[in-house]
Amino acid sequence: VGGDILQDKKTYLLIHALETATPEDHRMLMSWVGRGGEGPAATPTGTT
């Protein structure tokens, strides 16, 4: 599970969350979208 999240697919779930999330959660989502396996948290060395 989670393939759609990793691919940033515009599913019903992601669209609903972007439309309804709090400003803080919206910023959180936007910080992850488009980054593949990377994001706000540091990526462990050698991890892909």
All heavy atoms as atom14 arrays in JSON, in Angstrom:
{
  "sequence": "VGGDILQDKKTYLLIHALETATPEDHRMLMSWVGRGGEGPAATPTGTT",
  "atom14_mask": [
    [1, 1, 1, 1, 1, 1, 1, 0, 0, 0, 0, 0, 0, 0],
    [1, 1, 1, 1, 0, 0, 0, 0, 0, 0, 0, 0, 0, 0],
    [1, 1, 1, 1, 0, 0, 0, 0, 0, 0, 0, 0, 0, 0],
    [1, 1, 1, 1, 1, 1, 1, 1, 0, 0, 0, 0, 0, 0],
    [1, 1, 1, 1, 1, 1, 1, 1, 0, 0, 0, 0, 0, 0],
    [1, 1, 1, 1, 1, 1, 1, 1, 0, 0, 0, 0, 0, 0],
    [1, 1, 1, 1, 1, 1, 1, 1, 1, 0, 0, 0, 0, 0],
    [1, 1, 1, 1, 1, 1, 1, 1, 0, 0, 0, 0, 0, 0],
    [1, 1, 1, 1, 1, 1, 1, 1, 1, 0, 0, 0, 0, 0],
    [1, 1, 1, 1, 1, 1, 1, 1, 1, 0, 0, 0, 0, 0],
    [1, 1, 1, 1, 1, 1, 1, 0, 0, 0, 0, 0, 0, 0],
    [1, 1, 1, 1, 1, 1, 1, 1, 1, 1, 1, 1, 0, 0],
    [1, 1, 1, 1, 1, 1, 1, 1, 0, 0, 0, 0, 0, 0],
    [1, 1, 1, 1, 1, 1, 1, 1, 0, 0, 0, 0, 0, 0],
    [1, 1, 1, 1, 1, 1, 1, 1, 0, 0, 0, 0, 0, 0],
    [1, 1, 1, 1, 1, 1, 1, 1, 1, 1, 0, 0, 0, 0],
    [1, 1, 1, 1, 1, 0, 0, 0, 0, 0, 0, 0, 0, 0],
    [1, 1, 1, 1, 1, 1, 1, 1, 0, 0, 0, 0, 0, 0],
    [1, 1, 1, 1, 1, 1, 1, 1, 1, 0, 0, 0, 0, 0],
    [1, 1, 1, 1, 1, 1, 1, 0, 0, 0, 0, 0, 0, 0],
    [1, 1, 1, 1, 1, 0, 0, 0, 0, 0, 0, 0, 0, 0],
    [1, 1, 1, 1, 1, 1, 1, 0, 0, 0, 0, 0, 0, 0],
    [1, 1, 1, 1, 1, 1, 1, 0, 0, 0, 0, 0, 0, 0],
    [1, 1, 1, 1, 1, 1, 1, 1, 1, 0, 0, 0, 0, 0],
    [1, 1, 1, 1, 1, 1, 1, 1, 0, 0, 0, 0, 0, 0],
    [1, 1, 1, 1, 1, 1, 1, 1, 1, 1, 0, 0, 0, 0],
    [1, 1, 1, 1, 1, 1, 1, 1, 1, 1, 1, 0, 0, 0],
    [1, 1, 1, 1, 1, 1, 1, 1, 0, 0, 0, 0, 0, 0],
    [1, 1, 1, 1, 1, 1, 1, 1, 0, 0, 0, 0, 0, 0],
    [1, 1, 1, 1, 1, 1, 1, 1, 0, 0, 0, 0, 0, 0],
    [1, 1, 1, 1, 1, 1, 0, 0, 0, 0, 0, 0, 0, 0],
    [1, 1, 1, 1, 1, 1, 1, 1, 1, 1, 1, 1, 1, 1],
    [1, 1, 1, 1, 1, 1, 1, 0, 0, 0, 0, 0, 0, 0],
    [1, 1, 1, 1, 0, 0, 0, 0, 0, 0, 0, 0, 0, 0],
    [1, 1, 1, 1, 1, 1, 1, 1, 1, 1, 1, 0, 0, 0],
    [1, 1, 1, 1, 0, 0, 0, 0, 0, 0, 0, 0, 0, 0],
    [1, 1, 1, 1, 0, 0, 0, 0, 0, 0, 0, 0, 0, 0],
    [1, 1, 1, 1, 1, 1, 1, 1, 1, 0, 0, 0, 0, 0],
    [1, 1, 1, 1, 0, 0, 0, 0, 0, 0, 0, 0, 0, 0],
    [1, 1, 1, 1, 1, 1, 1, 0, 0, 0, 0, 0, 0, 0],
    [1, 1, 1, 1, 1, 0, 0, 0, 0, 0, 0, 0, 0, 0],
    [1, 1, 1, 1, 1, 0, 0, 0, 0, 0, 0, 0, 0, 0],
    [1, 1, 1, 1, 1, 1, 1, 0, 0, 0, 0, 0, 0, 0],
    [1, 1, 1, 1, 1, 1, 1, 0, 0, 0, 0, 0, 0, 0],
    [1, 1, 1, 1, 1, 1, 1, 0, 0, 0, 0, 0, 0, 0],
    [1, 1, 1, 1, 0, 0, 0, 0, 0, 0, 0, 0, 0, 0],
    [1, 1, 1, 1, 1, 1, 1, 0, 0, 0, 0, 0, 0, 0],
    [1, 1, 1, 1, 1, 1, 1, 0, 0, 0, 0, 0, 0, 0]
  ],
  "atom14_positions": [
    [[0.84, -1.19, 0.0], [0.0, 0.0, 0.0], [0.88, 1.25, 0.0], [2.05, 1.22, 0.37], [-0.94, 0.01, 1.23], [-1.87, -1.19, 1.19], [-0.15, 0.05, 2.53], [0.0, 0.0, 0.0], [0.0, 0.0, 0.0], [0.0, 0.0, 0.0], [0.0, 0.0, 0.0], [0.0, 0.0, 0.0], [0.0, 0.0, 0.0], [0.0, 0.0, 0.0]],
    [[0.29, 2.34, -0.45], [0.99, 3.61, -0.45], [1.61, 4.0, -1.77], [2.24, 5.05, -1.88], [0.0, 0.0, 0.0], [0.0, 0.0, 0.0], [0.0, 0.0, 0.0], [0.0, 0.0, 0.0], [0.0, 0.0, 0.0], [0.0, 0.0, 0.0], [0.0, 0.0, 0.0], [0.0, 0.0, 0.0], [0.0, 0.0, 0.0], [0.0, 0.0, 0.0]],
    [[1.44, 3.18, -2.8], [2.03, 3.5, -4.1], [1.51, 4.81, -4.67], [2.27, 5.6, -5.24], [0.0, 0.0, 0.0], [0.0, 0.0, 0.0], [0.0, 0.0, 0.0], [0.0, 0.0, 0.0], [0.0, 0.0, 0.0], [0.0, 0.0, 0.0], [0.0, 0.0, 0.0], [0.0, 0.0, 0.0], [0.0, 0.0, 0.0], [0.0, 0.0, 0.0]],
    [[0.2, 5.06, -4.5], [-0.36, 6.3, -5.01], [0.23, 7.52, -4.3], [0.47, 8.56, -4.91], [-1.88, 6.31, -4.84], [-2.6, 5.38, -5.81], [-1.96, 4.93, -6.78], [-3.79, 5.11, -5.6], [0.0, 0.0, 0.0], [0.0, 0.0, 0.0], [0.0, 0.0, 0.0], [0.0, 0.0, 0.0], [0.0, 0.0, 0.0], [0.0, 0.0, 0.0]],
    [[0.48, 7.37, -3.0], [1.07, 8.48, -2.24], [2.49, 8.75, -2.73], [2.88, 9.9, -2.95], [1.07, 8.15, -0.73], [-0.36, 8.15, -0.19], [1.94, 9.15, 0.04], [-0.48, 7.72, 1.26], [0.0, 0.0, 0.0], [0.0, 0.0, 0.0], [0.0, 0.0, 0.0], [0.0, 0.0, 0.0], [0.0, 0.0, 0.0], [0.0, 0.0, 0.0]],
    [[3.27, 7.7, -2.94], [4.65, 7.88, -3.4], [4.71, 8.51, -4.78], [5.63, 9.27, -5.09], [5.39, 6.54, -3.4], [5.64, 5.9, -2.03], [6.37, 4.59, -2.2], [6.41, 6.84, -1.11], [0.0, 0.0, 0.0], [0.0, 0.0, 0.0], [0.0, 0.0, 0.0], [0.0, 0.0, 0.0], [0.0, 0.0, 0.0], [0.0, 0.0, 0.0]],
    [[3.73, 8.2, -5.62], [3.7, 8.74, -6.98], [2.98, 10.09, -7.07], [2.88, 10.66, -8.16], [3.01, 7.74, -7.92], [3.78, 6.45, -8.12], [3.02, 5.49, -9.0], [1.88, 5.11, -8.71], [3.62, 5.1, -10.11], [0.0, 0.0, 0.0], [0.0, 0.0, 0.0], [0.0, 0.0, 0.0], [0.0, 0.0, 0.0], [0.0, 0.0, 0.0]],
    [[2.51, 10.58, -5.93], [1.76, 11.86, -5.91], [0.56, 11.82, -6.84], [0.2, 12.82, -7.47], [2.67, 13.04, -6.28], [3.83, 13.22, -5.32], [3.61, 13.02, -4.11], [4.94, 13.53, -5.77], [0.0, 0.0, 0.0], [0.0, 0.0, 0.0], [0.0, 0.0, 0.0], [0.0, 0.0, 0.0], [0.0, 0.0, 0.0], [0.0, 0.0, 0.0]],
    [[-0.08, 10.66, -6.95], [-1.23, 10.54, -7.85], [-2.39, 11.36, -7.3], [-2.66, 11.37, -6.1], [-1.65, 9.07, -8.01], [-0.7, 8.27, -8.89], [-1.2, 6.86, -9.1], [-2.42, 6.83, -9.98], [-2.11, 7.17, -11.38], [0.0, 0.0, 0.0], [0.0, 0.0, 0.0], [0.0, 0.0, 0.0], [0.0, 0.0, 0.0], [0.0, 0.0, 0.0]],
    [[-3.07, 12.05, -8.2], [-4.21, 12.88, -7.82], [-5.42, 11.97, -7.65], [-6.32, 11.9, -8.49], [-4.48, 13.95, -8.88], [-3.3, 14.81, -9.26], [-2.65, 15.48, -8.07], [-1.59, 16.48, -8.51], [-0.5, 15.88, -9.3], [0.0, 0.0, 0.0], [0.0, 0.0, 0.0], [0.0, 0.0, 0.0], [0.0, 0.0, 0.0], [0.0, 0.0, 0.0]],
    [[-5.45, 11.25, -6.54], [-6.58, 10.4, -6.23], [-7.63, 11.21, -5.47], [-7.39, 12.33, -5.04], [-6.15, 9.21, -5.35], [-5.69, 9.72, -4.09], [-5.05, 8.4, -6.01], [0.0, 0.0, 0.0], [0.0, 0.0, 0.0], [0.0, 0.0, 0.0], [0.0, 0.0, 0.0], [0.0, 0.0, 0.0], [0.0, 0.0, 0.0], [0.0, 0.0, 0.0]],
    [[-8.79, 10.6, -5.28], [-9.85, 11.26, -4.52], [-9.34, 11.63, -3.13], [-9.68, 12.7, -2.6], [-11.05, 10.33, -4.42], [-12.29, 10.97, -3.84], [-13.21, 11.6, -4.67], [-12.54, 10.95, -2.47], [-14.35, 12.21, -4.15], [-13.67, 11.55, -1.94], [-14.57, 12.18, -2.79], [-15.69, 12.78, -2.26], [0.0, 0.0, 0.0], [0.0, 0.0, 0.0]],
    [[-8.51, 10.76, -2.54], [-8.04, 11.0, -1.18], [-7.14, 12.23, -1.11], [-7.32, 13.09, -0.24], [-7.3, 9.76, -0.66], [-8.16, 8.61, -0.14], [-8.83, 7.88, -1.3], [-7.32, 7.62, 0.66], [0.0, 0.0, 0.0], [0.0, 0.0, 0.0], [0.0, 0.0, 0.0], [0.0, 0.0, 0.0], [0.0, 0.0, 0.0], [0.0, 0.0, 0.0]],
    [[-6.16, 12.33, -1.99], [-5.25, 13.47, -1.96], [-6.01, 14.76, -2.27], [-5.79, 15.79, -1.61], [-4.12, 13.27, -2.96], [-3.11, 14.43, -3.06], [-2.43, 14.68, -1.71], [-2.06, 14.16, -4.14], [0.0, 0.0, 0.0], [0.0, 0.0, 0.0], [0.0, 0.0, 0.0], [0.0, 0.0, 0.0], [0.0, 0.0, 0.0], [0.0, 0.0, 0.0]],
    [[-6.91, 14.72, -3.24], [-7.66, 15.92, -3.61], [-8.53, 16.39, -2.45], [-8.57, 17.57, -2.11], [-8.51, 15.65, -4.86], [-7.6, 15.39, -6.07], [-9.44, 16.83, -5.14], [-8.32, 14.82, -7.26], [0.0, 0.0, 0.0], [0.0, 0.0, 0.0], [0.0, 0.0, 0.0], [0.0, 0.0, 0.0], [0.0, 0.0, 0.0], [0.0, 0.0, 0.0]],
    [[-9.21, 15.44, -1.8], [-10.05, 15.8, -0.65], [-9.21, 16.43, 0.46], [-9.6, 17.44, 1.06], [-10.79, 14.57, -0.12], [-11.6, 14.85, 1.12], [-11.07, 14.76, 2.38], [-12.89, 15.24, 1.27], [-12.0, 15.06, 3.27], [-13.12, 15.36, 2.62], [0.0, 0.0, 0.0], [0.0, 0.0, 0.0], [0.0, 0.0, 0.0], [0.0, 0.0, 0.0]],
    [[-8.06, 15.83, 0.74], [-7.21, 16.35, 1.81], [-6.71, 17.76, 1.48], [-6.69, 18.64, 2.34], [-6.04, 15.41, 2.05], [0.0, 0.0, 0.0], [0.0, 0.0, 0.0], [0.0, 0.0, 0.0], [0.0, 0.0, 0.0], [0.0, 0.0, 0.0], [0.0, 0.0, 0.0], [0.0, 0.0, 0.0], [0.0, 0.0, 0.0], [0.0, 0.0, 0.0]],
    [[-6.3, 17.98, 0.24], [-5.83, 19.3, -0.16], [-6.95, 20.34, -0.06], [-6.69, 21.51, 0.25], [-5.27, 19.27, -1.58], [-3.91, 18.58, -1.76], [-3.61, 18.37, -3.25], [-2.8, 19.39, -1.11], [0.0, 0.0, 0.0], [0.0, 0.0, 0.0], [0.0, 0.0, 0.0], [0.0, 0.0, 0.0], [0.0, 0.0, 0.0], [0.0, 0.0, 0.0]],
    [[-8.18, 19.91, -0.31], [-9.31, 20.84, -0.27], [-9.77, 21.14, 1.15], [-10.32, 22.22, 1.41], [-10.49, 20.28, -1.07], [-10.29, 20.28, -2.58], [-11.48, 19.7, -3.32], [-12.37, 19.1, -2.67], [-11.52, 19.84, -4.56], [0.0, 0.0, 0.0], [0.0, 0.0, 0.0], [0.0, 0.0, 0.0], [0.0, 0.0, 0.0], [0.0, 0.0, 0.0]],
    [[-9.58, 20.2, 2.08], [-10.21, 20.32, 3.4], [-9.24, 20.4, 4.56], [-9.66, 20.67, 5.69], [-11.15, 19.12, 3.64], [-10.39, 17.9, 3.65], [-12.23, 19.04, 2.56], [0.0, 0.0, 0.0], [0.0, 0.0, 0.0], [0.0, 0.0, 0.0], [0.0, 0.0, 0.0], [0.0, 0.0, 0.0], [0.0, 0.0, 0.0], [0.0, 0.0, 0.0]],
    [[-7.95, 20.16, 4.33], [-6.99, 20.14, 5.43], [-6.84, 21.52, 6.07], [-7.1, 22.56, 5.43], [-5.62, 19.67, 4.93], [0.0, 0.0, 0.0], [0.0, 0.0, 0.0], [0.0, 0.0, 0.0], [0.0, 0.0, 0.0], [0.0, 0.0, 0.0], [0.0, 0.0, 0.0], [0.0, 0.0, 0.0], [0.0, 0.0, 0.0], [0.0, 0.0, 0.0]],
    [[-6.45, 21.55, 7.32], [-6.12, 22.81, 7.98], [-4.93, 23.44, 7.28], [-4.19, 22.76, 6.56], [-5.76, 22.56, 9.45], [-4.56, 21.77, 9.49], [-6.88, 21.84, 10.19], [0.0, 0.0, 0.0], [0.0, 0.0, 0.0], [0.0, 0.0, 0.0], [0.0, 0.0, 0.0], [0.0, 0.0, 0.0], [0.0, 0.0, 0.0], [0.0, 0.0, 0.0]],
    [[-4.74, 24.74, 7.44], [-3.58, 25.38, 6.81], [-2.27, 24.68, 7.15], [-1.4, 24.51, 6.27], [-3.61, 26.8, 7.36], [-5.08, 27.05, 7.6], [-5.61, 25.74, 8.09], [0.0, 0.0, 0.0], [0.0, 0.0, 0.0], [0.0, 0.0, 0.0], [0.0, 0.0, 0.0], [0.0, 0.0, 0.0], [0.0, 0.0, 0.0], [0.0, 0.0, 0.0]],
    [[-2.12, 24.25, 8.39], [-0.88, 23.57, 8.78], [-0.73, 22.24, 8.06], [0.34, 21.9, 7.54], [-0.87, 23.34, 10.3], [0.4, 22.65, 10.79], [0.4, 22.43, 12.29], [-0.53, 22.91, 12.97], [1.34, 21.78, 12.78], [0.0, 0.0, 0.0], [0.0, 0.0, 0.0], [0.0, 0.0, 0.0], [0.0, 0.0, 0.0], [0.0, 0.0, 0.0]],
    [[-1.82, 21.46, 8.0], [-1.76, 20.18, 7.31], [-1.61, 20.37, 5.8], [-0.96, 19.56, 5.13], [-3.01, 19.35, 7.6], [-2.9, 18.56, 8.9], [-1.76, 18.36, 9.37], [-3.95, 18.14, 9.43], [0.0, 0.0, 0.0], [0.0, 0.0, 0.0], [0.0, 0.0, 0.0], [0.0, 0.0, 0.0], [0.0, 0.0, 0.0], [0.0, 0.0, 0.0]],
    [[-2.19, 21.43, 5.26], [-2.03, 21.71, 3.83], [-0.56, 21.98, 3.52], [-0.01, 21.47, 2.54], [-2.89, 22.9, 3.42], [-2.99, 23.1, 1.94], [-2.01, 23.74, 1.2], [-3.95, 22.7, 1.05], [-2.37, 23.75, -0.07], [-3.54, 23.13, -0.19], [0.0, 0.0, 0.0], [0.0, 0.0, 0.0], [0.0, 0.0, 0.0], [0.0, 0.0, 0.0]],
    [[0.11, 22.75, 4.38], [1.54, 23.0, 4.19], [2.32, 21.71, 4.31], [3.29, 21.47, 3.56], [2.04, 24.03, 5.21], [1.59, 25.46, 4.92], [2.34, 26.45, 5.78], [2.03, 26.28, 7.19], [1.02, 26.89, 7.82], [0.23, 27.72, 7.15], [0.81, 26.69, 9.09], [0.0, 0.0, 0.0], [0.0, 0.0, 0.0], [0.0, 0.0, 0.0]],
    [[1.91, 20.84, 5.23], [2.58, 19.55, 5.39], [2.47, 18.72, 4.11], [3.47, 18.16, 3.62], [1.96, 18.79, 6.56], [2.44, 17.35, 6.71], [4.14, 17.21, 7.27], [3.9, 17.6, 9.01], [0.0, 0.0, 0.0], [0.0, 0.0, 0.0], [0.0, 0.0, 0.0], [0.0, 0.0, 0.0], [0.0, 0.0, 0.0], [0.0, 0.0, 0.0]],
    [[1.25, 18.66, 3.55], [1.08, 17.9, 2.31], [1.94, 18.47, 1.19], [2.62, 17.73, 0.47], [-0.4, 17.92, 1.88], [-1.35, 16.94, 2.55], [-2.77, 17.17, 2.03], [-0.93, 15.5, 2.31], [0.0, 0.0, 0.0], [0.0, 0.0, 0.0], [0.0, 0.0, 0.0], [0.0, 0.0, 0.0], [0.0, 0.0, 0.0], [0.0, 0.0, 0.0]],
    [[1.92, 19.78, 1.04], [2.67, 20.41, -0.03], [4.17, 20.21, 0.13], [4.92, 20.2, -0.85], [2.34, 21.89, -0.1], [0.9, 22.19, -0.48], [0.42, 21.43, -2.05], [1.52, 22.27, -3.18], [0.0, 0.0, 0.0], [0.0, 0.0, 0.0], [0.0, 0.0, 0.0], [0.0, 0.0, 0.0], [0.0, 0.0, 0.0], [0.0, 0.0, 0.0]],
    [[4.62, 20.02, 1.37], [6.05, 19.79, 1.58], [6.48, 18.4, 1.14], [7.66, 18.16, 0.89], [6.4, 20.0, 3.06], [5.88, 18.95, 3.86], [0.0, 0.0, 0.0], [0.0, 0.0, 0.0], [0.0, 0.0, 0.0], [0.0, 0.0, 0.0], [0.0, 0.0, 0.0], [0.0, 0.0, 0.0], [0.0, 0.0, 0.0], [0.0, 0.0, 0.0]],
    [[5.5, 17.49, 1.04], [5.82, 16.13, 0.61], [5.56, 15.91, -0.87], [6.27, 15.16, -1.53], [4.97, 15.13, 1.41], [5.43, 14.89, 2.81], [4.88, 15.39, 3.95], [6.52, 14.07, 3.24], [5.55, 14.94, 5.05], [6.57, 14.12, 4.64], [7.46, 13.3, 2.57], [7.52, 13.44, 5.39], [8.42, 12.62, 3.31], [8.44, 12.69, 4.71]],
    [[4.5, 16.51, -1.4], [4.12, 16.27, -2.8], [5.24, 16.69, -3.73], [5.78, 17.78, -3.62], [2.82, 17.02, -3.14], [2.54, 16.95, -4.64], [1.64, 16.44, -2.36], [0.0, 0.0, 0.0], [0.0, 0.0, 0.0], [0.0, 0.0, 0.0], [0.0, 0.0, 0.0], [0.0, 0.0, 0.0], [0.0, 0.0, 0.0], [0.0, 0.0, 0.0]],
    [[5.59, 15.78, -4.65], [6.63, 16.07, -5.63], [8.03, 15.72, -5.17], [9.0, 15.92, -5.91], [0.0, 0.0, 0.0], [0.0, 0.0, 0.0], [0.0, 0.0, 0.0], [0.0, 0.0, 0.0], [0.0, 0.0, 0.0], [0.0, 0.0, 0.0], [0.0, 0.0, 0.0], [0.0, 0.0, 0.0], [0.0, 0.0, 0.0], [0.0, 0.0, 0.0]],
    [[8.14, 15.12, -3.98], [9.48, 14.81, -3.46], [9.77, 13.31, -3.42], [10.77, 12.91, -2.83], [9.64, 15.39, -2.05], [9.59, 16.91, -2.01], [9.68, 17.42, -0.59], [9.67, 18.89, -0.56], [10.75, 19.65, -0.58], [11.95, 19.08, -0.65], [10.65, 20.96, -0.54], [0.0, 0.0, 0.0], [0.0, 0.0, 0.0], [0.0, 0.0, 0.0]],
    [[8.91, 12.52, -4.03], [9.16, 11.08, -4.01], [9.24, 10.57, -2.59], [8.34, 10.76, -1.8], [0.0, 0.0, 0.0], [0.0, 0.0, 0.0], [0.0, 0.0, 0.0], [0.0, 0.0, 0.0], [0.0, 0.0, 0.0], [0.0, 0.0, 0.0], [0.0, 0.0, 0.0], [0.0, 0.0, 0.0], [0.0, 0.0, 0.0], [0.0, 0.0, 0.0]],
    [[10.34, 9.94, -2.23], [10.52, 9.42, -0.88], [11.14, 10.41, 0.05], [11.4, 10.09, 1.21], [0.0, 0.0, 0.0], [0.0, 0.0, 0.0], [0.0, 0.0, 0.0], [0.0, 0.0, 0.0], [0.0, 0.0, 0.0], [0.0, 0.0, 0.0], [0.0, 0.0, 0.0], [0.0, 0.0, 0.0], [0.0, 0.0, 0.0], [0.0, 0.0, 0.0]],
    [[11.38, 11.63, -0.45], [12.0, 12.63, 0.41], [10.94, 13.58, 0.96], [9.83, 13.63, 0.5], [13.04, 13.42, -0.39], [14.15, 12.55, -0.95], [15.14, 13.35, -1.77], [14.88, 14.56, -1.99], [16.15, 12.79, -2.18], [0.0, 0.0, 0.0], [0.0, 0.0, 0.0], [0.0, 0.0, 0.0], [0.0, 0.0, 0.0], [0.0, 0.0, 0.0]],
    [[11.3, 14.33, 1.96], [10.35, 15.28, 2.53], [11.0, 16.09, 3.61], [12.22, 16.2, 3.68], [0.0, 0.0, 0.0], [0.0, 0.0, 0.0], [0.0, 0.0, 0.0], [0.0, 0.0, 0.0], [0.0, 0.0, 0.0], [0.0, 0.0, 0.0], [0.0, 0.0, 0.0], [0.0, 0.0, 0.0], [0.0, 0.0, 0.0], [0.0, 0.0, 0.0]],
    [[10.2, 16.63, 4.51], [10.74, 17.48, 5.56], [11.75, 16.76, 6.43], [12.74, 17.34, 6.86], [9.5, 17.89, 6.35], [8.36, 17.71, 5.4], [8.75, 16.56, 4.55], [0.0, 0.0, 0.0], [0.0, 0.0, 0.0], [0.0, 0.0, 0.0], [0.0, 0.0, 0.0], [0.0, 0.0, 0.0], [0.0, 0.0, 0.0], [0.0, 0.0, 0.0]],
    [[11.46, 15.48, 6.69], [12.4, 14.74, 7.53], [13.64, 14.39, 6.73], [13.57, 14.17, 5.53], [11.74, 13.46, 8.05], [0.0, 0.0, 0.0], [0.0, 0.0, 0.0], [0.0, 0.0, 0.0], [0.0, 0.0, 0.0], [0.0, 0.0, 0.0], [0.0, 0.0, 0.0], [0.0, 0.0, 0.0], [0.0, 0.0, 0.0], [0.0, 0.0, 0.0]],
    [[14.76, 14.35, 7.38], [16.01, 14.02, 6.69], [15.94, 12.61, 6.15], [15.44, 11.7, 6.8], [17.18, 14.16, 7.64], [0.0, 0.0, 0.0], [0.0, 0.0, 0.0], [0.0, 0.0, 0.0], [0.0, 0.0, 0.0], [0.0, 0.0, 0.0], [0.0, 0.0, 0.0], [0.0, 0.0, 0.0], [0.0, 0.0, 0.0], [0.0, 0.0, 0.0]],
    [[16.44, 12.44, 4.95], [16.47, 11.12, 4.33], [17.7, 10.37, 4.8], [18.82, 10.87, 4.68], [16.52, 11.24, 2.8], [15.37, 11.98, 2.38], [16.51, 9.88, 2.14], [0.0, 0.0, 0.0], [0.0, 0.0, 0.0], [0.0, 0.0, 0.0], [0.0, 0.0, 0.0], [0.0, 0.0, 0.0], [0.0, 0.0, 0.0], [0.0, 0.0, 0.0]],
    [[17.55, 9.14, 5.35], [18.71, 8.39, 5.8], [19.71, 8.19, 4.67], [19.33, 8.01, 3.52], [18.1, 7.05, 6.25], [16.66, 7.36, 6.54], [16.28, 8.44, 5.59], [0.0, 0.0, 0.0], [0.0, 0.0, 0.0], [0.0, 0.0, 0.0], [0.0, 0.0, 0.0], [0.0, 0.0, 0.0], [0.0, 0.0, 0.0], [0.0, 0.0, 0.0]],
    [[20.97, 8.25, 4.99], [22.02, 8.09, 3.99], [21.86, 6.76, 3.27], [21.7, 5.71, 3.9], [23.4, 8.14, 4.66], [23.51, 9.38, 5.36], [24.49, 8.02, 3.63], [0.0, 0.0, 0.0], [0.0, 0.0, 0.0], [0.0, 0.0, 0.0], [0.0, 0.0, 0.0], [0.0, 0.0, 0.0], [0.0, 0.0, 0.0], [0.0, 0.0, 0.0]],
    [[21.92, 6.85, 1.95], [21.87, 5.62, 1.15], [20.47, 5.07, 0.95], [20.3, 4.03, 0.34], [0.0, 0.0, 0.0], [0.0, 0.0, 0.0], [0.0, 0.0, 0.0], [0.0, 0.0, 0.0], [0.0, 0.0, 0.0], [0.0, 0.0, 0.0], [0.0, 0.0, 0.0], [0.0, 0.0, 0.0], [0.0, 0.0, 0.0], [0.0, 0.0, 0.0]],
    [[19.46, 5.74, 1.49], [18.1, 5.24, 1.36], [17.45, 5.81, 0.11], [17.54, 7.0, -0.14], [17.26, 5.64, 2.59], [17.86, 5.05, 3.73], [15.83, 5.13, 2.45], [0.0, 0.0, 0.0], [0.0, 0.0, 0.0], [0.0, 0.0, 0.0], [0.0, 0.0, 0.0], [0.0, 0.0, 0.0], [0.0, 0.0, 0.0], [0.0, 0.0, 0.0]],
    [[16.82, 4.98, -0.67], [16.12, 5.43, -1.87], [14.71, 4.9, -1.84], [14.41, 3.88, -1.22], [16.82, 4.92, -3.14], [16.87, 3.49, -3.1], [18.23, 5.48, -3.24], [0.0, 0.0, 0.0], [0.0, 0.0, 0.0], [0.0, 0.0, 0.0], [0.0, 0.0, 0.0], [0.0, 0.0, 0.0], [0.0, 0.0, 0.0], [0.0, 0.0, 0.0]]
  ]
}
